[in-house]
Amino acid sequence: MKNFYLLVIIFTTFFLFSGCQTVKNKTDAIVEKENKRLSKYIGKPSDKLKIDLGNPDEDFKNEKGNNELIYKTKKYGIPCERRFEVDAESIVIGFVSNGCF
């Protein structure tokens, strides 16, 4: 009987850890897809970004003197924020995506 409980505990632990790894793998795949989609704007004019995503919800100059364009959305009640950094020549030079899937 003691071996049975040990066996149940081992299988339960195995399924819990493998389930967590599956969620992590799916999350990593979604993040990779998001980064690939947004990286196509790097080196492109900010007008292309605005044509595809619309006008930003916020825009301001950061501490480097570059413009930051912020797009905010919600999916399933989870806030998503995409920030694009645009240099003085209106070229997208970077982005950060938080909570987007």
PDB file of N, CA and C in Angstrom:
ATOM      1  N   MET A   1       0.828  -1.193   0.000  1.00  0.00           N
ATOM      2  CA  MET A   1       0.000   0.000   0.000  1.00  0.00           C
ATOM      3  C   MET A   1       0.870   1.254   0.000  1.00  0.00           C
ATOM      4  N   LYS A   2       1.981   1.183   0.730  1.00  0.00           N
ATOM      5  CA  LYS A   2       2.894   2.315   0.796  1.00  0.00           C
ATOM      6  C   LYS A   2       3.484   2.599  -0.585  1.00  0.00           C
ATOM      7  N   ASN A   3       3.800   1.543  -1.335  1.00  0.00           N
ATOM      8  CA  ASN A   3       4.339   1.701  -2.686  1.00  0.00           C
ATOM      9  C   ASN A   3       3.307   2.328  -3.622  1.00  0.00           C
ATOM     10  N   PHE A   4       2.040   1.998  -3.428  1.00  0.00           N
ATOM     11  CA  PHE A   4       0.974   2.564  -4.251  1.00  0.00           C
ATOM     12  C   PHE A   4       0.899   4.082  -4.068  1.00  0.00           C
ATOM     13  N   TYR A   5       0.939   4.546  -2.816  1.00  0.00           N
ATOM     14  CA  TYR A   5       0.897   5.987  -2.550  1.00  0.00           C
ATOM     15  C   TYR A   5       2.124   6.692  -3.133  1.00  0.00           C
ATOM     16  N   LEU A   6       3.270   6.056  -3.011  1.00  0.00           N
ATOM     17  CA  LEU A   6       4.494   6.619  -3.577  1.00  0.00           C
ATOM     18  C   LEU A   6       4.381   6.732  -5.097  1.00  0.00           C
ATOM     19  N   LEU A   7       3.829   5.710  -5.717  1.00  0.00           N
ATOM     20  CA  LEU A   7       3.641   5.705  -7.165  1.00  0.00           C
ATOM     21  C   LEU A   7       2.663   6.815  -7.589  1.00  0.00           C
ATOM     22  N   VAL A   8       1.587   6.997  -6.855  1.00  0.00           N
ATOM     23  CA  VAL A   8       0.612   8.048  -7.150  1.00  0.00           C
ATOM     24  C   VAL A   8       1.266   9.424  -7.017  1.00  0.00           C
ATOM     25  N   ILE A   9       2.053   9.615  -5.993  1.00  0.00           N
ATOM     26  CA  ILE A   9       2.737  10.900  -5.785  1.00  0.00           C
ATOM     27  C   ILE A   9       3.725  11.173  -6.923  1.00  0.00           C
ATOM     28  N   ILE A  10       4.449  10.176  -7.343  1.00  0.00           N
ATOM     29  CA  ILE A  10       5.420  10.346  -8.432  1.00  0.00           C
ATOM     30  C   ILE A  10       4.711  10.713  -9.733  1.00  0.00           C
ATOM     31  N   PHE A  11       3.630  10.005 -10.075  1.00  0.00           N
ATOM     32  CA  PHE A  11       2.890  10.314 -11.301  1.00  0.00           C
ATOM     33  C   PHE A  11       2.251  11.703 -11.241  1.00  0.00           C
ATOM     34  N   THR A  12       1.702  12.065 -10.100  1.00  0.00           N
ATOM     35  CA  THR A  12       1.091  13.388  -9.943  1.00  0.00           C
ATOM     36  C   THR A  12       2.137  14.475 -10.131  1.00  0.00           C
ATOM     37  N   THR A  13       3.279  14.310  -9.511  1.00  0.00           N
ATOM     38  CA  THR A  13       4.359  15.283  -9.648  1.00  0.00           C
ATOM     39  C   THR A  13       4.816  15.382 -11.104  1.00  0.00           C
ATOM     40  N   PHE A  14       4.942  14.260 -11.765  1.00  0.00           N
ATOM     41  CA  PHE A  14       5.358  14.245 -13.164  1.00  0.00           C
ATOM     42  C   PHE A  14       4.372  15.016 -14.035  1.00  0.00           C
ATOM     43  N   PHE A  15       3.074  14.779 -13.868  1.00  0.00           N
ATOM     44  CA  PHE A  15       2.069  15.455 -14.680  1.00  0.00           C
ATOM     45  C   PHE A  15       2.011  16.943 -14.383  1.00  0.00           C
ATOM     46  N   LEU A  16       2.201  17.333 -13.133  1.00  0.00           N
ATOM     47  CA  LEU A  16       2.204  18.760 -12.795  1.00  0.00           C
ATOM     48  C   LEU A  16       3.366  19.477 -13.467  1.00  0.00           C
ATOM     49  N   PHE A  17       4.557  18.880 -13.393  1.00  0.00           N
ATOM     50  CA  PHE A  17       5.726  19.517 -14.000  1.00  0.00           C
ATOM     51  C   PHE A  17       5.649  19.515 -15.525  1.00  0.00           C
ATOM     52  N   SER A  18       5.156  18.454 -16.111  1.00  0.00           N
ATOM     53  CA  SER A  18       5.045  18.424 -17.575  1.00  0.00           C
ATOM     54  C   SER A  18       3.971  19.393 -18.050  1.00  0.00           C
ATOM     55  N   GLY A  19       2.914  19.590 -17.267  1.00  0.00           N
ATOM     56  CA  GLY A  19       1.880  20.565 -17.613  1.00  0.00           C
ATOM     57  C   GLY A  19       2.424  21.980 -17.580  1.00  0.00           C
ATOM     58  N   CYS A  20       3.229  22.293 -16.593  1.00  0.00           N
ATOM     59  CA  CYS A  20       3.846  23.620 -16.499  1.00  0.00           C
ATOM     60  C   CYS A  20       4.776  23.866 -17.679  1.00  0.00           C
ATOM     61  N   GLN A  21       5.515  22.859 -18.088  1.00  0.00           N
ATOM     62  CA  GLN A  21       6.424  22.994 -19.225  1.00  0.00           C
ATOM     63  C   GLN A  21       5.633  23.226 -20.503  1.00  0.00           C
ATOM     64  N   THR A  22       4.473  22.574 -20.649  1.00  0.00           N
ATOM     65  CA  THR A  22       3.634  22.767 -21.825  1.00  0.00           C
ATOM     66  C   THR A  22       3.137  24.201 -21.898  1.00  0.00           C
ATOM     67  N   VAL A  23       2.703  24.753 -20.783  1.00  0.00           N
ATOM     68  CA  VAL A  23       2.236  26.136 -20.744  1.00  0.00           C
ATOM     69  C   VAL A  23       3.378  27.076 -21.091  1.00  0.00           C
ATOM     70  N   LYS A  24       4.562  26.824 -20.550  1.00  0.00           N
ATOM     71  CA  LYS A  24       5.728  27.664 -20.842  1.00  0.00           C
ATOM     72  C   LYS A  24       6.072  27.600 -22.326  1.00  0.00           C
ATOM     73  N   ASN A  25       6.034  26.413 -22.914  1.00  0.00           N
ATOM     74  CA  ASN A  25       6.340  26.271 -24.337  1.00  0.00           C
ATOM     75  C   ASN A  25       5.345  27.039 -25.198  1.00  0.00           C
ATOM     76  N   LYS A  26       4.060  26.962 -24.850  1.00  0.00           N
ATOM     77  CA  LYS A  26       3.042  27.683 -25.609  1.00  0.00           C
ATOM     78  C   LYS A  26       3.223  29.184 -25.459  1.00  0.00           C
ATOM     79  N   THR A  27       3.512  29.637 -24.259  1.00  0.00           N
ATOM     80  CA  THR A  27       3.731  31.064 -24.015  1.00  0.00           C
ATOM     81  C   THR A  27       4.939  31.557 -24.784  1.00  0.00           C
ATOM     82  N   ASP A  28       6.024  30.798 -24.767  1.00  0.00           N
ATOM     83  CA  ASP A  28       7.229  31.178 -25.511  1.00  0.00           C
ATOM     84  C   ASP A  28       6.949  31.266 -27.003  1.00  0.00           C
ATOM     85  N   ALA A  29       6.144  30.350 -27.528  1.00  0.00           N
ATOM     86  CA  ALA A  29       5.808  30.366 -28.953  1.00  0.00           C
ATOM     87  C   ALA A  29       4.995  31.606 -29.305  1.00  0.00           C
ATOM     88  N   ILE A  30       4.066  31.985 -28.439  1.00  0.00           N
ATOM     89  CA  ILE A  30       3.247  33.171 -28.677  1.00  0.00           C
ATOM     90  C   ILE A  30       4.108  34.427 -28.636  1.00  0.00           C
ATOM     91  N   VAL A  31       5.004  34.513 -27.667  1.00  0.00           N
ATOM     92  CA  VAL A  31       5.893  35.678 -27.553  1.00  0.00           C
ATOM     93  C   VAL A  31       6.806  35.768 -28.775  1.00  0.00           C
ATOM     94  N   GLU A  32       7.321  34.632 -29.226  1.00  0.00           N
ATOM     95  CA  GLU A  32       8.189  34.615 -30.406  1.00  0.00           C
ATOM     96  C   GLU A  32       7.430  35.090 -31.645  1.00  0.00           C
ATOM     97  N   LYS A  33       6.189  34.656 -31.789  1.00  0.00           N
ATOM     98  CA  LYS A  33       5.365  35.072 -32.926  1.00  0.00           C
ATOM     99  C   LYS A  33       5.090  36.577 -32.870  1.00  0.00           C
ATOM    100  N   GLU A  34       4.790  37.090 -31.683  1.00  0.00           N
ATOM    101  CA  GLU A  34       4.549  38.531 -31.495  1.00  0.00           C
ATOM    102  C   GLU A  34       5.801  39.331 -31.841  1.00  0.00           C
ATOM    103  N   ASN A  35       6.948  38.894 -31.355  1.00  0.00           N
ATOM    104  CA  ASN A  35       8.202  39.599 -31.643  1.00  0.00           C
ATOM    105  C   ASN A  35       8.536  39.571 -33.129  1.00  0.00           C
ATOM    106  N   LYS A  36       8.283  38.458 -33.780  1.00  0.00           N
ATOM    107  CA  LYS A  36       8.543  38.357 -35.215  1.00  0.00           C
ATOM    108  C   LYS A  36       7.636  39.317 -35.984  1.00  0.00           C
ATOM    109  N   ARG A  37       6.378  39.392 -35.578  1.00  0.00           N
ATOM    110  CA  ARG A  37       5.424  40.272 -36.250  1.00  0.00           C
ATOM    111  C   ARG A  37       5.804  41.739 -36.080  1.00  0.00           C
ATOM    112  N   LEU A  38       6.222  42.115 -34.874  1.00  0.00           N
ATOM    113  CA  LEU A  38       6.542  43.514 -34.604  1.00  0.00           C
ATOM    114  C   LEU A  38       7.924  43.906 -35.107  1.00  0.00           C
ATOM    115  N   SER A  39       8.835  42.953 -35.212  1.00  0.00           N
ATOM    116  CA  SER A  39      10.186  43.292 -35.658  1.00  0.00           C
ATOM    117  C   SER A  39      10.231  43.697 -37.122  1.00  0.00           C
ATOM    118  N   LYS A  40       9.175  43.410 -37.881  1.00  0.00           N
ATOM    119  CA  LYS A  40       9.160  43.827 -39.283  1.00  0.00           C
ATOM    120  C   LYS A  40       9.088  45.350 -39.414  1.00  0.00           C
ATOM    121  N   TYR A  41       8.734  46.053 -38.328  1.00  0.00           N
ATOM    122  CA  TYR A  41       8.668  47.517 -38.361  1.00  0.00           C
ATOM    123  C   TYR A  41      10.025  48.175 -38.075  1.00  0.00           C
ATOM    124  N   ILE A  42      10.979  47.417 -37.550  1.00  0.00           N
ATOM    125  CA  ILE A  42      12.300  47.977 -37.257  1.00  0.00           C
ATOM    126  C   ILE A  42      12.952  48.417 -38.571  1.00  0.00           C
ATOM    127  N   GLY A  43      13.441  49.654 -38.564  1.00  0.00           N
ATOM    128  CA  GLY A  43      14.083  50.200 -39.748  1.00  0.00           C
ATOM    129  C   GLY A  43      13.121  50.788 -40.766  1.00  0.00           C
ATOM    130  N   LYS A  44      11.821  50.714 -40.486  1.00  0.00           N
ATOM    131  CA  LYS A  44      10.807  51.247 -41.398  1.00  0.00           C
ATOM    132  C   LYS A  44      10.313  52.596 -40.871  1.00  0.00           C
ATOM    133  N   PRO A  45       9.743  53.424 -41.745  1.00  0.00           N
ATOM    134  CA  PRO A  45       9.191  54.708 -41.301  1.00  0.00           C
ATOM    135  C   PRO A  45       8.007  54.499 -40.350  1.00  0.00           C
ATOM    136  N   SER A  46       7.856  55.425 -39.421  1.00  0.00           N
ATOM    137  CA  SER A  46       6.754  55.323 -38.463  1.00  0.00           C
ATOM    138  C   SER A  46       5.397  55.445 -39.156  1.00  0.00           C
ATOM    139  N   ASP A  47       5.351  56.036 -40.349  1.00  0.00           N
ATOM    140  CA  ASP A  47       4.094  56.115 -41.096  1.00  0.00           C
ATOM    141  C   ASP A  47       3.567  54.719 -41.430  1.00  0.00           C
ATOM    142  N   LYS A  48       4.455  53.791 -41.763  1.00  0.00           N
ATOM    143  CA  LYS A  48       4.058  52.405 -42.045  1.00  0.00           C
ATOM    144  C   LYS A  48       3.428  51.773 -40.808  1.00  0.00           C
ATOM    145  N   LEU A  49       4.016  52.038 -39.661  1.00  0.00           N
ATOM    146  CA  LEU A  49       3.484  51.545 -38.390  1.00  0.00           C
ATOM    147  C   LEU A  49       2.088  52.105 -38.147  1.00  0.00           C
ATOM    148  N   LYS A  50       1.923  53.397 -38.369  1.00  0.00           N
ATOM    149  CA  LYS A  50       0.623  54.053 -38.146  1.00  0.00           C
ATOM    150  C   LYS A  50      -0.426  53.578 -39.144  1.00  0.00           C
ATOM    151  N   ILE A  51      -0.018  53.261 -40.366  1.00  0.00           N
ATOM    152  CA  ILE A  51      -0.962  52.728 -41.348  1.00  0.00           C
ATOM    153  C   ILE A  51      -1.475  51.368 -40.891  1.00  0.00           C
ATOM    154  N   ASP A  52      -0.562  50.518 -40.407  1.00  0.00           N
ATOM    155  CA  ASP A  52      -0.936  49.156 -40.009  1.00  0.00           C
ATOM    156  C   ASP A  52      -1.663  49.103 -38.669  1.00  0.00           C
ATOM    157  N   LEU A  53      -1.204  49.862 -37.679  1.00  0.00           N
ATOM    158  CA  LEU A  53      -1.766  49.777 -36.329  1.00  0.00           C
ATOM    159  C   LEU A  53      -2.688  50.935 -35.970  1.00  0.00           C
ATOM    160  N   GLY A  54      -2.731  51.954 -36.802  1.00  0.00           N
ATOM    161  CA  GLY A  54      -3.554  53.125 -36.500  1.00  0.00           C
ATOM    162  C   GLY A  54      -2.779  54.136 -35.681  1.00  0.00           C
ATOM    163  N   ASN A  55      -3.474  55.168 -35.256  1.00  0.00           N
ATOM    164  CA  ASN A  55      -2.828  56.184 -34.431  1.00  0.00           C
ATOM    165  C   ASN A  55      -2.568  55.629 -33.034  1.00  0.00           C
ATOM    166  N   PRO A  56      -1.432  55.990 -32.439  1.00  0.00           N
ATOM    167  CA  PRO A  56      -1.117  55.478 -31.100  1.00  0.00           C
ATOM    168  C   PRO A  56      -2.028  56.082 -30.043  1.00  0.00           C
ATOM    169  N   ASP A  57      -2.182  55.349 -28.942  1.00  0.00           N
ATOM    170  CA  ASP A  57      -2.970  55.852 -27.811  1.00  0.00           C
ATOM    171  C   ASP A  57      -2.228  56.953 -27.075  1.00  0.00           C
ATOM    172  N   GLU A  58      -0.912  56.852 -27.053  1.00  0.00           N
ATOM    173  CA  GLU A  58      -0.066  57.866 -26.410  1.00  0.00           C
ATOM    174  C   GLU A  58       1.192  58.038 -27.248  1.00  0.00           C
ATOM    175  N   ASP A  59       1.759  59.238 -27.191  1.00  0.00           N
ATOM    176  CA  ASP A  59       3.083  59.455 -27.768  1.00  0.00           C
ATOM    177  C   ASP A  59       3.773  60.569 -26.994  1.00  0.00           C
ATOM    178  N   PHE A  60       5.082  60.407 -26.817  1.00  0.00           N
ATOM    179  CA  PHE A  60       5.868  61.388 -26.068  1.00  0.00           C
ATOM    180  C   PHE A  60       7.335  61.213 -26.405  1.00  0.00           C
ATOM    181  N   LYS A  61       8.144  62.194 -26.032  1.00  0.00           N
ATOM    182  CA  LYS A  61       9.600  62.097 -26.200  1.00  0.00           C
ATOM    183  C   LYS A  61      10.188  61.457 -24.952  1.00  0.00           C
ATOM    184  N   ASN A  62      11.055  60.466 -25.156  1.00  0.00           N
ATOM    185  CA  ASN A  62      11.704  59.823 -24.011  1.00  0.00           C
ATOM    186  C   ASN A  62      12.964  60.585 -23.624  1.00  0.00           C
ATOM    187  N   GLU A  63      13.709  60.066 -22.655  1.00  0.00           N
ATOM    188  CA  GLU A  63      14.904  60.743 -22.141  1.00  0.00           C
ATOM    189  C   GLU A  63      16.022  60.846 -23.175  1.00  0.00           C
ATOM    190  N   LYS A  64      15.981  60.000 -24.214  1.00  0.00           N
ATOM    191  CA  LYS A  64      16.982  60.056 -25.275  1.00  0.00           C
ATOM    192  C   LYS A  64      16.623  61.083 -26.347  1.00  0.00           C
ATOM    193  N   GLY A  65      15.427  61.636 -26.264  1.00  0.00           N
ATOM    194  CA  GLY A  65      14.967  62.586 -27.273  1.00  0.00           C
ATOM    195  C   GLY A  65      14.230  61.934 -28.424  1.00  0.00           C
ATOM    196  N   ASN A  66      14.030  60.630 -28.345  1.00  0.00           N
ATOM    197  CA  ASN A  66      13.282  59.907 -29.373  1.00  0.00           C
ATOM    198  C   ASN A  66      11.800  59.877 -29.017  1.00  0.00           C
ATOM    199  N   ASN A  67      10.952  59.764 -30.028  1.00  0.00           N
ATOM    200  CA  ASN A  67       9.516  59.632 -29.789  1.00  0.00           C
ATOM    201  C   ASN A  67       9.189  58.200 -29.395  1.00  0.00           C
ATOM    202  N   GLU A  68       8.222  58.049 -28.509  1.00  0.00           N
ATOM    203  CA  GLU A  68       7.697  56.738 -28.163  1.00  0.00           C
ATOM    204  C   GLU A  68       6.226  56.718 -28.522  1.00  0.00           C
ATOM    205  N   LEU A  69       5.837  55.725 -29.302  1.00  0.00           N
ATOM    206  CA  LEU A  69       4.443  55.534 -29.683  1.00  0.00           C
ATOM    207  C   LEU A  69       3.918  54.345 -28.896  1.00  0.00           C
ATOM    208  N   ILE A  70       2.810  54.533 -28.180  1.00  0.00           N
ATOM    209  CA  ILE A  70       2.276  53.484 -27.321  1.00  0.00           C
ATOM    210  C   ILE A  70       0.883  53.092 -27.805  1.00  0.00           C
ATOM    211  N   TYR A  71       0.720  51.804 -28.043  1.00  0.00           N
ATOM    212  CA  TYR A  71      -0.562  51.241 -28.455  1.00  0.00           C
ATOM    213  C   TYR A  71      -1.061  50.352 -27.319  1.00  0.00           C
ATOM    214  N   LYS A  72      -2.297  50.603 -26.866  1.00  0.00           N
ATOM    215  CA  LYS A  72      -2.868  49.822 -25.767  1.00  0.00           C
ATOM    216  C   LYS A  72      -4.134  49.125 -26.245  1.00  0.00           C
ATOM    217  N   THR A  73      -4.239  47.845 -25.914  1.00  0.00           N
ATOM    218  CA  THR A  73      -5.430  47.059 -26.220  1.00  0.00           C
ATOM    219  C   THR A  73      -5.715  46.147 -25.030  1.00  0.00           C
ATOM    220  N   LYS A  74      -6.848  45.462 -25.089  1.00  0.00           N
ATOM    221  CA  LYS A  74      -7.191  44.447 -24.091  1.00  0.00           C
ATOM    222  C   LYS A  74      -7.718  43.223 -24.810  1.00  0.00           C
ATOM    223  N   LYS A  75      -7.292  42.059 -24.339  1.00  0.00           N
ATOM    224  CA  LYS A  75      -7.796  40.800 -24.866  1.00  0.00           C
ATOM    225  C   LYS A  75      -8.128  39.912 -23.689  1.00  0.00           C
ATOM    226  N   TYR A  76      -9.364  39.470 -23.624  1.00  0.00           N
ATOM    227  CA  TYR A  76      -9.851  38.666 -22.502  1.00  0.00           C
ATOM    228  C   TYR A  76      -9.642  39.380 -21.167  1.00  0.00           C
ATOM    229  N   GLY A  77      -9.741  40.704 -21.178  1.00  0.00           N
ATOM    230  CA  GLY A  77      -9.577  41.496 -19.965  1.00  0.00           C
ATOM    231  C   GLY A  77      -8.127  41.713 -19.548  1.00  0.00           C
ATOM    232  N   ILE A  78      -7.183  41.225 -20.345  1.00  0.00           N
ATOM    233  CA  ILE A  78      -5.759  41.373 -20.021  1.00  0.00           C
ATOM    234  C   ILE A  78      -5.203  42.534 -20.833  1.00  0.00           C
ATOM    235  N   PRO A  79      -4.648  43.546 -20.175  1.00  0.00           N
ATOM    236  CA  PRO A  79      -4.115  44.695 -20.921  1.00  0.00           C
ATOM    237  C   PRO A  79      -2.852  44.337 -21.702  1.00  0.00           C
ATOM    238  N   CYS A  80      -2.775  44.884 -22.887  1.00  0.00           N
ATOM    239  CA  CYS A  80      -1.627  44.680 -23.779  1.00  0.00           C
ATOM    240  C   CYS A  80      -1.079  46.056 -24.129  1.00  0.00           C
ATOM    241  N   GLU A  81       0.238  46.201 -24.032  1.00  0.00           N
ATOM    242  CA  GLU A  81       0.869  47.473 -24.366  1.00  0.00           C
ATOM    243  C   GLU A  81       2.054  47.218 -25.281  1.00  0.00           C
ATOM    244  N   ARG A  82       2.036  47.907 -26.421  1.00  0.00           N
ATOM    245  CA  ARG A  82       3.151  47.839 -27.364  1.00  0.00           C
ATOM    246  C   ARG A  82       3.761  49.224 -27.462  1.00  0.00           C
ATOM    247  N   ARG A  83       5.066  49.330 -27.199  1.00  0.00           N
ATOM    248  CA  ARG A  83       5.791  50.605 -27.263  1.00  0.00           C
ATOM    249  C   ARG A  83       6.803  50.536 -28.391  1.00  0.00           C
ATOM    250  N   PHE A  84       6.768  51.546 -29.239  1.00  0.00           N
ATOM    251  CA  PHE A  84       7.722  51.651 -30.331  1.00  0.00           C
ATOM    252  C   PHE A  84       8.543  52.908 -30.143  1.00  0.00           C
ATOM    253  N   GLU A  85       9.857  52.787 -30.306  1.00  0.00           N
ATOM    254  CA  GLU A  85      10.744  53.938 -30.221  1.00  0.00           C
ATOM    255  C   GLU A  85      11.083  54.385 -31.638  1.00  0.00           C
ATOM    256  N   VAL A  86      10.910  55.689 -31.886  1.00  0.00           N
ATOM    257  CA  VAL A  86      11.099  56.266 -33.215  1.00  0.00           C
ATOM    258  C   VAL A  86      12.152  57.364 -33.106  1.00  0.00           C
ATOM    259  N   ASP A  87      13.168  57.306 -33.983  1.00  0.00           N
ATOM    260  CA  ASP A  87      14.240  58.299 -33.917  1.00  0.00           C
ATOM    261  C   ASP A  87      13.836  59.620 -34.585  1.00  0.00           C
ATOM    262  N   ALA A  88      14.772  60.562 -34.663  1.00  0.00           N
ATOM    263  CA  ALA A  88      14.495  61.899 -35.195  1.00  0.00           C
ATOM    264  C   ALA A  88      14.118  61.866 -36.673  1.00  0.00           C
ATOM    265  N   GLU A  89      14.542  60.844 -37.410  1.00  0.00           N
ATOM    266  CA  GLU A  89      14.207  60.730 -38.832  1.00  0.00           C
ATOM    267  C   GLU A  89      12.906  59.957 -39.047  1.00  0.00           C
ATOM    268  N   SER A  90      12.137  59.725 -37.979  1.00  0.00           N
ATOM    269  CA  SER A  90      10.857  58.996 -38.017  1.00  0.00           C
ATOM    270  C   SER A  90      11.020  57.543 -38.449  1.00  0.00           C
ATOM    271  N   ILE A  91      12.121  56.930 -38.052  1.00  0.00           N
ATOM    272  CA  ILE A  91      12.377  55.509 -38.321  1.00  0.00           C
ATOM    273  C   ILE A  91      12.224  54.741 -37.013  1.00  0.00           C
ATOM    274  N   VAL A  92      11.501  53.631 -37.061  1.00  0.00           N
ATOM    275  CA  VAL A  92      11.302  52.790 -35.876  1.00  0.00           C
ATOM    276  C   VAL A  92      12.627  52.101 -35.559  1.00  0.00           C
ATOM    277  N   ILE A  93      13.108  52.292 -34.317  1.00  0.00           N
ATOM    278  CA  ILE A  93      14.400  51.708 -33.936  1.00  0.00           C
ATOM    279  C   ILE A  93      14.283  50.643 -32.847  1.00  0.00           C
ATOM    280  N   GLY A  94      13.083  50.473 -32.268  1.00  0.00           N
ATOM    281  CA  GLY A  94      12.917  49.450 -31.241  1.00  0.00           C
ATOM    282  C   GLY A  94      11.477  49.329 -30.801  1.00  0.00           C
ATOM    283  N   PHE A  95      11.176  48.245 -30.106  1.00  0.00           N
ATOM    284  CA  PHE A  95       9.833  48.037 -29.566  1.00  0.00           C
ATOM    285  C   PHE A  95       9.895  47.183 -28.319  1.00  0.00           C
ATOM    286  N   VAL A  96       8.849  47.281 -27.517  1.00  0.00           N
ATOM    287  CA  VAL A  96       8.651  46.437 -26.337  1.00  0.00           C
ATOM    288  C   VAL A  96       7.177  46.063 -26.306  1.00  0.00           C
ATOM    289  N   SER A  97       6.902  44.811 -26.058  1.00  0.00           N
ATOM    290  CA  SER A  97       5.531  44.316 -26.006  1.00  0.00           C
ATOM    291  C   SER A  97       5.299  43.670 -24.638  1.00  0.00           C
ATOM    292  N   ASN A  98       4.258  44.113 -23.937  1.00  0.00           N
ATOM    293  CA  ASN A  98       3.944  43.586 -22.605  1.00  0.00           C
ATOM    294  C   ASN A  98       2.500  43.081 -22.548  1.00  0.00           C
ATOM    295  N   GLY A  99       2.321  41.845 -22.155  1.00  0.00           N
ATOM    296  CA  GLY A  99       0.994  41.293 -21.947  1.00  0.00           C
ATOM    297  C   GLY A  99       0.230  40.968 -23.215  1.00  0.00           C
ATOM    298  N   CYS A 100       0.902  40.961 -24.344  1.00  0.00           N
ATOM    299  CA  CYS A 100       0.221  40.731 -25.630  1.00  0.00           C
ATOM    300  C   CYS A 100       0.378  39.276 -26.050  1.00  0.00           C
ATOM    301  N   PHE A 101      -0.725  38.701 -26.493  1.00  0.00           N
ATOM    302  CA  PHE A 101      -0.675  37.332 -27.014  1.00  0.00           C
ATOM    303  C   PHE A 101      -1.683  37.156 -28.116  1.00  0.00           C
TER     304      PHE A 101
END
